[in-house]
Amino acid sequence: MPSPRYETLDHTSEAGVIARGGTLAEAFANAAEGMYALILELDGVEERESREIAIEGASYESLLVDWLLELVFLTETEGLVFRRFEVAELSMERLRARVWGERFDPERHRTHNVMVKAVTQHLLEIAREDGGYRVQVLFDI
């Protein structure tokens, strides 16, 4: 049986995800999906808008944190929630992705009463696994 794309972690005042993918780019995309699954029911989110995201960094770890922080920023500033994530380019210095979602609507979107405030370095992990990659990231909630 194949591994799930992501699973949630509970940790005191934090929540997190372990995401997997055949490629590191796929694992990053699945980490973003897992983060939004902590916040709300993804089935209710429609793909009405998309955003292009480009980030530069010094390591895969910093790119993972900055990638997820950019999504949190878009949620906080534009009220957008996302359900589909495609990382088109990923190197140690650069990430380029497109995300799809819509503006949050409290009448339609079912939340889990979790709001991600920050992405932490605590227990951050990126590792090779049989058949791909695994990333672990915790969020301040």
Protein backbone atom coordinates (compact mmCIF):
# COMPACT_ATOMS: atom_id res chain seq x y z
CA MET A 1 0.00 0.00 0.00
CA PRO A 2 1.52 3.40 -0.95
CA SER A 3 2.32 5.95 1.75
CA PRO A 4 -0.11 8.84 2.17
CA ARG A 5 0.97 12.15 0.66
CA TYR A 6 0.97 13.71 4.12
CA GLU A 7 0.05 13.01 7.72
CA THR A 8 -0.47 15.39 10.61
CA LEU A 9 1.61 15.69 13.77
CA ASP A 10 0.50 17.05 17.13
CA HIS A 11 3.10 18.70 19.33
CA THR A 12 2.16 20.90 22.36
CA SER A 13 1.44 24.43 21.00
CA GLU A 14 2.35 23.35 17.51
CA ALA A 15 0.90 21.22 14.77
CA GLY A 16 2.78 19.82 11.84
CA VAL A 17 2.90 17.61 8.83
CA ILE A 18 5.07 14.88 7.46
CA ALA A 19 4.82 14.97 3.69
CA ARG A 20 6.17 12.54 1.13
CA GLY A 21 6.76 12.64 -2.59
CA GLY A 22 8.55 10.83 -5.37
CA THR A 23 10.53 14.03 -5.88
CA LEU A 24 11.50 16.74 -3.42
CA ALA A 25 9.27 19.18 -5.34
CA GLU A 26 6.33 16.81 -4.86
CA ALA A 27 7.07 16.52 -1.13
CA PHE A 28 7.12 20.36 -0.86
CA ALA A 29 3.76 20.54 -2.65
CA ASN A 30 2.31 17.86 -0.37
CA ALA A 31 3.61 19.74 2.71
CA ALA A 32 1.63 22.79 1.58
CA GLU A 33 -1.48 20.68 1.03
CA GLY A 34 -1.02 19.16 4.48
CA MET A 35 -0.68 22.60 6.05
CA TYR A 36 -3.99 23.74 4.53
CA ALA A 37 -5.63 20.44 5.53
CA LEU A 38 -4.81 21.36 9.15
CA ILE A 39 -6.71 24.63 8.69
CA LEU A 40 -9.81 23.59 6.74
CA GLU A 41 -11.60 20.92 4.71
CA LEU A 42 -9.91 21.05 1.31
CA ASP A 43 -12.88 19.48 -0.50
CA GLY A 44 -14.80 22.74 -0.08
CA VAL A 45 -12.09 24.91 -1.67
CA GLU A 46 -12.53 25.67 -5.36
CA GLU A 47 -9.75 26.58 -7.80
CA ARG A 48 -11.03 30.07 -8.70
CA GLU A 49 -7.70 31.92 -8.49
CA SER A 50 -4.05 31.04 -8.88
CA ARG A 51 -0.84 32.64 -7.76
CA GLU A 52 2.72 32.24 -8.99
CA ILE A 53 5.28 32.00 -6.20
CA ALA A 54 9.02 32.43 -6.63
CA ILE A 55 11.41 32.26 -3.69
CA GLU A 56 15.17 32.29 -3.39
CA GLY A 57 17.04 30.76 -0.49
CA ALA A 58 20.26 29.25 0.76
CA SER A 59 19.13 25.67 1.38
CA TYR A 60 16.24 23.29 0.86
CA GLU A 61 15.29 23.79 4.51
CA SER A 62 15.10 27.57 4.19
CA LEU A 63 13.12 27.23 0.95
CA LEU A 64 10.62 24.88 2.61
CA VAL A 65 10.04 27.33 5.48
CA ASP A 66 9.85 30.35 3.16
CA TRP A 67 7.51 28.53 0.73
CA LEU A 68 5.03 27.75 3.49
CA LEU A 69 5.41 31.23 5.03
CA GLU A 70 4.60 32.81 1.66
CA LEU A 71 1.37 30.80 1.56
CA VAL A 72 0.50 31.85 5.13
CA PHE A 73 1.20 35.47 4.11
CA LEU A 74 -1.20 35.20 1.14
CA THR A 75 -3.86 33.74 3.42
CA GLU A 76 -3.41 36.52 6.00
CA THR A 77 -3.15 39.45 3.57
CA GLU A 78 -5.45 38.42 0.71
CA GLY A 79 -7.77 36.00 2.50
CA LEU A 80 -6.87 33.21 0.07
CA VAL A 81 -6.93 29.52 0.89
CA PHE A 82 -5.40 26.96 -1.45
CA ARG A 83 -6.05 23.35 -2.36
CA ARG A 84 -3.68 22.54 -5.24
CA PHE A 85 0.06 23.11 -5.29
CA GLU A 86 2.48 22.54 -8.15
CA VAL A 87 6.19 23.11 -7.58
CA ALA A 88 7.55 23.57 -11.10
CA GLU A 89 11.16 24.32 -10.20
CA LEU A 90 13.16 23.43 -7.11
CA SER A 91 16.90 23.75 -6.60
CA MET A 92 18.87 24.47 -3.46
CA GLU A 93 18.66 28.20 -4.26
CA ARG A 94 15.24 28.63 -5.87
CA LEU A 95 11.62 27.49 -5.75
CA ARG A 96 9.01 28.40 -8.35
CA ALA A 97 5.43 27.18 -7.95
CA ARG A 98 1.80 27.81 -8.83
CA VAL A 99 -1.02 27.42 -6.33
CA TRP A 100 -4.78 27.35 -6.83
CA GLY A 101 -7.59 28.24 -4.46
CA GLU A 102 -10.04 30.98 -3.62
CA ARG A 103 -10.93 33.63 -1.08
CA PHE A 104 -11.95 32.21 2.27
CA ASP A 105 -15.72 32.16 2.71
CA PRO A 106 -16.89 31.32 6.26
CA GLU A 107 -20.31 30.34 4.86
CA ARG A 108 -18.83 27.64 2.63
CA HIS A 109 -15.49 26.61 4.09
CA ARG A 110 -15.42 24.27 7.08
CA THR A 111 -12.45 25.08 9.31
CA HIS A 112 -10.69 22.95 11.92
CA ASN A 113 -10.27 25.95 14.25
CA VAL A 114 -6.53 25.93 13.61
CA MET A 115 -4.76 29.01 12.32
CA VAL A 116 -1.13 28.66 11.31
CA LYS A 117 0.72 31.69 12.69
CA ALA A 118 4.26 30.73 11.70
CA VAL A 119 6.40 27.98 10.24
CA THR A 120 9.11 26.88 12.65
CA GLN A 121 12.61 25.45 12.31
CA HIS A 122 11.83 23.18 15.28
CA LEU A 123 12.21 19.51 14.25
CA LEU A 124 12.39 20.56 10.58
CA GLU A 125 13.60 17.64 8.53
CA ILE A 126 14.16 16.81 4.87
CA ALA A 127 15.23 13.25 4.14
CA ARG A 128 15.51 10.74 1.34
CA GLU A 129 13.29 7.70 1.72
CA ASP A 130 12.77 4.58 -0.33
CA GLY A 131 11.12 5.78 -3.50
CA GLY A 132 11.44 9.50 -2.80
CA TYR A 133 11.56 12.15 -0.13
CA ARG A 134 10.07 12.95 3.26
CA VAL A 135 9.75 16.40 4.81
CA GLN A 136 8.65 17.23 8.33
CA VAL A 137 7.63 20.70 9.42
CA LEU A 138 5.94 22.17 12.50
CA PHE A 139 3.74 25.26 12.69
CA ASP A 140 2.97 27.65 15.52
CA ILE A 141 -0.80 27.65 15.88
